[in-house]
Amino acid sequence: MKNEFLDTSKEDNIKKKEERRRERELNDIRAIVAEPEGRRLFWRILQHAGIYTINDLGNSTAFRIEGRRAEGLFWLSELMAADRKAFARIQDENYSASVSEKKQLEKEQDNG
């Protein structure tokens, strides 16, 4: 007779399934940030979420903003779990693109 208290195979299977699901999620993020387009998209998501802003929670607008920020922080933590170096790469690329755009705009203004 099988002792149900000692049988952990069901729990082990559930745990293994959860681990496979989690690894698949992280692999999805790795695939997204492997391409420049994916890194730009990820940056836009984090920027829109306002992850670096802190709001006074004295009004309903601030609560909505904090909710969006919490979502952004979730995605940042997912990115860091998937690829710790990707966030630095995303920041560097965004900064470089901003500098290039600024130089191009200045050049156009000088010529125009």
C-alpha atoms as a PDB file:
ATOM      1  CA  MET A   1       0.000   0.000   0.000  1.00  0.00           C
ATOM      2  CA  LYS A   2       1.314   3.408  -0.990  1.00  0.00           C
ATOM      3  CA  ASN A   3       1.793   5.960   1.773  1.00  0.00           C
ATOM      4  CA  GLU A   4       0.358   9.270   0.513  1.00  0.00           C
ATOM      5  CA  PHE A   5       2.222  11.243   3.168  1.00  0.00           C
ATOM      6  CA  LEU A   6       5.576  10.010   1.930  1.00  0.00           C
ATOM      7  CA  ASP A   7       4.760  10.237  -1.783  1.00  0.00           C
ATOM      8  CA  THR A   8       6.104  13.555  -3.036  1.00  0.00           C
ATOM      9  CA  SER A   9       6.048  12.694  -6.737  1.00  0.00           C
ATOM     10  CA  LYS A  10       2.949  14.807  -7.385  1.00  0.00           C
ATOM     11  CA  GLU A  11       4.533  17.832  -5.682  1.00  0.00           C
ATOM     12  CA  ASP A  12       7.804  17.184  -7.505  1.00  0.00           C
ATOM     13  CA  ASN A  13       5.983  17.102 -10.848  1.00  0.00           C
ATOM     14  CA  ILE A  14       4.189  20.354 -10.050  1.00  0.00           C
ATOM     15  CA  LYS A  15       7.467  21.972  -9.021  1.00  0.00           C
ATOM     16  CA  LYS A  16       9.240  20.786 -12.180  1.00  0.00           C
ATOM     17  CA  LYS A  17       6.383  22.049 -14.330  1.00  0.00           C
ATOM     18  CA  GLU A  18       6.566  25.446 -12.621  1.00  0.00           C
ATOM     19  CA  GLU A  19      10.342  25.572 -13.098  1.00  0.00           C
ATOM     20  CA  ARG A  20       9.960  24.797 -16.821  1.00  0.00           C
ATOM     21  CA  ARG A  21       7.285  27.486 -17.153  1.00  0.00           C
ATOM     22  CA  ARG A  22       9.505  30.037 -15.404  1.00  0.00           C
ATOM     23  CA  GLU A  23      12.511  29.190 -17.559  1.00  0.00           C
ATOM     24  CA  ARG A  24      10.335  29.565 -20.668  1.00  0.00           C
ATOM     25  CA  GLU A  25       9.233  33.031 -19.468  1.00  0.00           C
ATOM     26  CA  LEU A  26      12.836  34.105 -18.913  1.00  0.00           C
ATOM     27  CA  ASN A  27      13.859  32.692 -22.296  1.00  0.00           C
ATOM     28  CA  ASP A  28      11.078  34.754 -23.903  1.00  0.00           C
ATOM     29  CA  ILE A  29      12.511  37.918 -22.355  1.00  0.00           C
ATOM     30  CA  ARG A  30      16.039  36.928 -23.409  1.00  0.00           C
ATOM     31  CA  ALA A  31      14.815  36.466 -26.979  1.00  0.00           C
ATOM     32  CA  ILE A  32      13.124  39.868 -26.959  1.00  0.00           C
ATOM     33  CA  VAL A  33      16.156  41.760 -25.672  1.00  0.00           C
ATOM     34  CA  ALA A  34      18.535  39.874 -27.954  1.00  0.00           C
ATOM     35  CA  GLU A  35      17.438  42.176 -30.777  1.00  0.00           C
ATOM     36  CA  PRO A  36      17.800  45.980 -30.897  1.00  0.00           C
ATOM     37  CA  GLU A  37      14.080  46.346 -31.599  1.00  0.00           C
ATOM     38  CA  GLY A  38      13.226  44.362 -28.491  1.00  0.00           C
ATOM     39  CA  ARG A  39      15.595  46.397 -26.347  1.00  0.00           C
ATOM     40  CA  ARG A  40      14.062  49.631 -27.640  1.00  0.00           C
ATOM     41  CA  LEU A  41      10.587  48.297 -26.886  1.00  0.00           C
ATOM     42  CA  PHE A  42      11.597  47.242 -23.393  1.00  0.00           C
ATOM     43  CA  TRP A  43      13.080  50.699 -22.767  1.00  0.00           C
ATOM     44  CA  ARG A  44       9.849  52.358 -23.906  1.00  0.00           C
ATOM     45  CA  ILE A  45       7.824  50.153 -21.552  1.00  0.00           C
ATOM     46  CA  LEU A  46      10.057  50.980 -18.584  1.00  0.00           C
ATOM     47  CA  GLN A  47      10.143  54.661 -19.481  1.00  0.00           C
ATOM     48  CA  HIS A  48       6.366  54.843 -19.836  1.00  0.00           C
ATOM     49  CA  ALA A  49       5.958  53.103 -16.497  1.00  0.00           C
ATOM     50  CA  GLY A  50       7.980  55.827 -14.795  1.00  0.00           C
ATOM     51  CA  ILE A  51      10.117  53.432 -12.778  1.00  0.00           C
ATOM     52  CA  TYR A  52      12.343  56.256 -11.549  1.00  0.00           C
ATOM     53  CA  THR A  53       9.543  58.504 -10.318  1.00  0.00           C
ATOM     54  CA  ILE A  54       8.114  58.613  -6.832  1.00  0.00           C
ATOM     55  CA  ASN A  55       4.727  60.185  -6.336  1.00  0.00           C
ATOM     56  CA  ASP A  56       2.924  61.868  -3.494  1.00  0.00           C
ATOM     57  CA  LEU A  57       0.039  59.481  -2.866  1.00  0.00           C
ATOM     58  CA  GLY A  58      -2.298  62.263  -1.793  1.00  0.00           C
ATOM     59  CA  ASN A  59      -4.565  61.972  -4.819  1.00  0.00           C
ATOM     60  CA  SER A  60      -6.105  59.401  -7.135  1.00  0.00           C
ATOM     61  CA  THR A  61      -3.861  60.315 -10.077  1.00  0.00           C
ATOM     62  CA  ALA A  62      -0.799  59.485  -8.015  1.00  0.00           C
ATOM     63  CA  PHE A  63      -2.263  56.078  -7.168  1.00  0.00           C
ATOM     64  CA  ARG A  64      -2.685  55.321 -10.874  1.00  0.00           C
ATOM     65  CA  ILE A  65       0.850  56.473 -11.580  1.00  0.00           C
ATOM     66  CA  GLU A  66       2.191  54.311  -8.758  1.00  0.00           C
ATOM     67  CA  GLY A  67       0.288  51.343 -10.185  1.00  0.00           C
ATOM     68  CA  ARG A  68       1.920  51.889 -13.558  1.00  0.00           C
ATOM     69  CA  ARG A  69       5.294  52.267 -11.832  1.00  0.00           C
ATOM     70  CA  ALA A  70       4.764  48.991  -9.951  1.00  0.00           C
ATOM     71  CA  GLU A  71       4.097  47.265 -13.279  1.00  0.00           C
ATOM     72  CA  GLY A  72       7.287  48.757 -14.696  1.00  0.00           C
ATOM     73  CA  LEU A  73       9.279  47.589 -11.697  1.00  0.00           C
ATOM     74  CA  PHE A  74       7.841  44.103 -12.227  1.00  0.00           C
ATOM     75  CA  TRP A  75       9.115  44.102 -15.824  1.00  0.00           C
ATOM     76  CA  LEU A  76      12.476  45.465 -14.731  1.00  0.00           C
ATOM     77  CA  SER A  77      12.813  42.625 -12.207  1.00  0.00           C
ATOM     78  CA  GLU A  78      11.845  40.122 -14.917  1.00  0.00           C
ATOM     79  CA  LEU A  79      14.503  41.565 -17.219  1.00  0.00           C
ATOM     80  CA  MET A  80      17.116  41.394 -14.474  1.00  0.00           C
ATOM     81  CA  ALA A  81      16.185  37.772 -13.739  1.00  0.00           C
ATOM     82  CA  ALA A  82      16.469  36.888 -17.424  1.00  0.00           C
ATOM     83  CA  ASP A  83      19.635  38.800 -18.294  1.00  0.00           C
ATOM     84  CA  ARG A  84      21.331  41.088 -15.777  1.00  0.00           C
ATOM     85  CA  LYS A  85      23.513  42.696 -18.451  1.00  0.00           C
ATOM     86  CA  ALA A  86      20.604  43.486 -20.769  1.00  0.00           C
ATOM     87  CA  PHE A  87      19.367  46.479 -18.782  1.00  0.00           C
ATOM     88  CA  ALA A  88      22.775  48.178 -18.945  1.00  0.00           C
ATOM     89  CA  ARG A  89      22.887  47.479 -22.688  1.00  0.00           C
ATOM     90  CA  ILE A  90      19.385  48.925 -23.093  1.00  0.00           C
ATOM     91  CA  GLN A  91      20.354  52.063 -21.156  1.00  0.00           C
ATOM     92  CA  ASP A  92      23.596  52.512 -23.129  1.00  0.00           C
ATOM     93  CA  GLU A  93      21.845  52.109 -26.469  1.00  0.00           C
ATOM     94  CA  ASN A  94      19.103  54.533 -25.501  1.00  0.00           C
ATOM     95  CA  TYR A  95      21.643  57.115 -24.345  1.00  0.00           C
ATOM     96  CA  SER A  96      23.656  56.734 -27.558  1.00  0.00           C
ATOM     97  CA  ALA A  97      20.515  57.101 -29.654  1.00  0.00           C
ATOM     98  CA  SER A  98      19.504  60.221 -27.704  1.00  0.00           C
ATOM     99  CA  VAL A  99      22.929  61.805 -28.198  1.00  0.00           C
ATOM    100  CA  SER A 100      22.869  60.984 -31.922  1.00  0.00           C
ATOM    101  CA  GLU A 101      19.373  62.446 -32.315  1.00  0.00           C
ATOM    102  CA  LYS A 102      20.385  65.609 -30.451  1.00  0.00           C
ATOM    103  CA  LYS A 103      23.476  66.060 -32.642  1.00  0.00           C
ATOM    104  CA  GLN A 104      21.392  65.497 -35.774  1.00  0.00           C
ATOM    105  CA  LEU A 105      18.818  68.071 -34.641  1.00  0.00           C
ATOM    106  CA  GLU A 106      21.552  70.624 -33.873  1.00  0.00           C
ATOM    107  CA  LYS A 107      23.124  69.986 -37.270  1.00  0.00           C
ATOM    108  CA  GLU A 108      19.767  70.498 -39.009  1.00  0.00           C
ATOM    109  CA  GLN A 109      19.157  73.724 -37.076  1.00  0.00           C
ATOM    110  CA  ASP A 110      22.612  75.048 -37.983  1.00  0.00           C
ATOM    111  CA  ASN A 111      22.019  74.262 -41.674  1.00  0.00           C
ATOM    112  CA  GLY A 112      18.453  75.524 -41.763  1.00  0.00           C
END
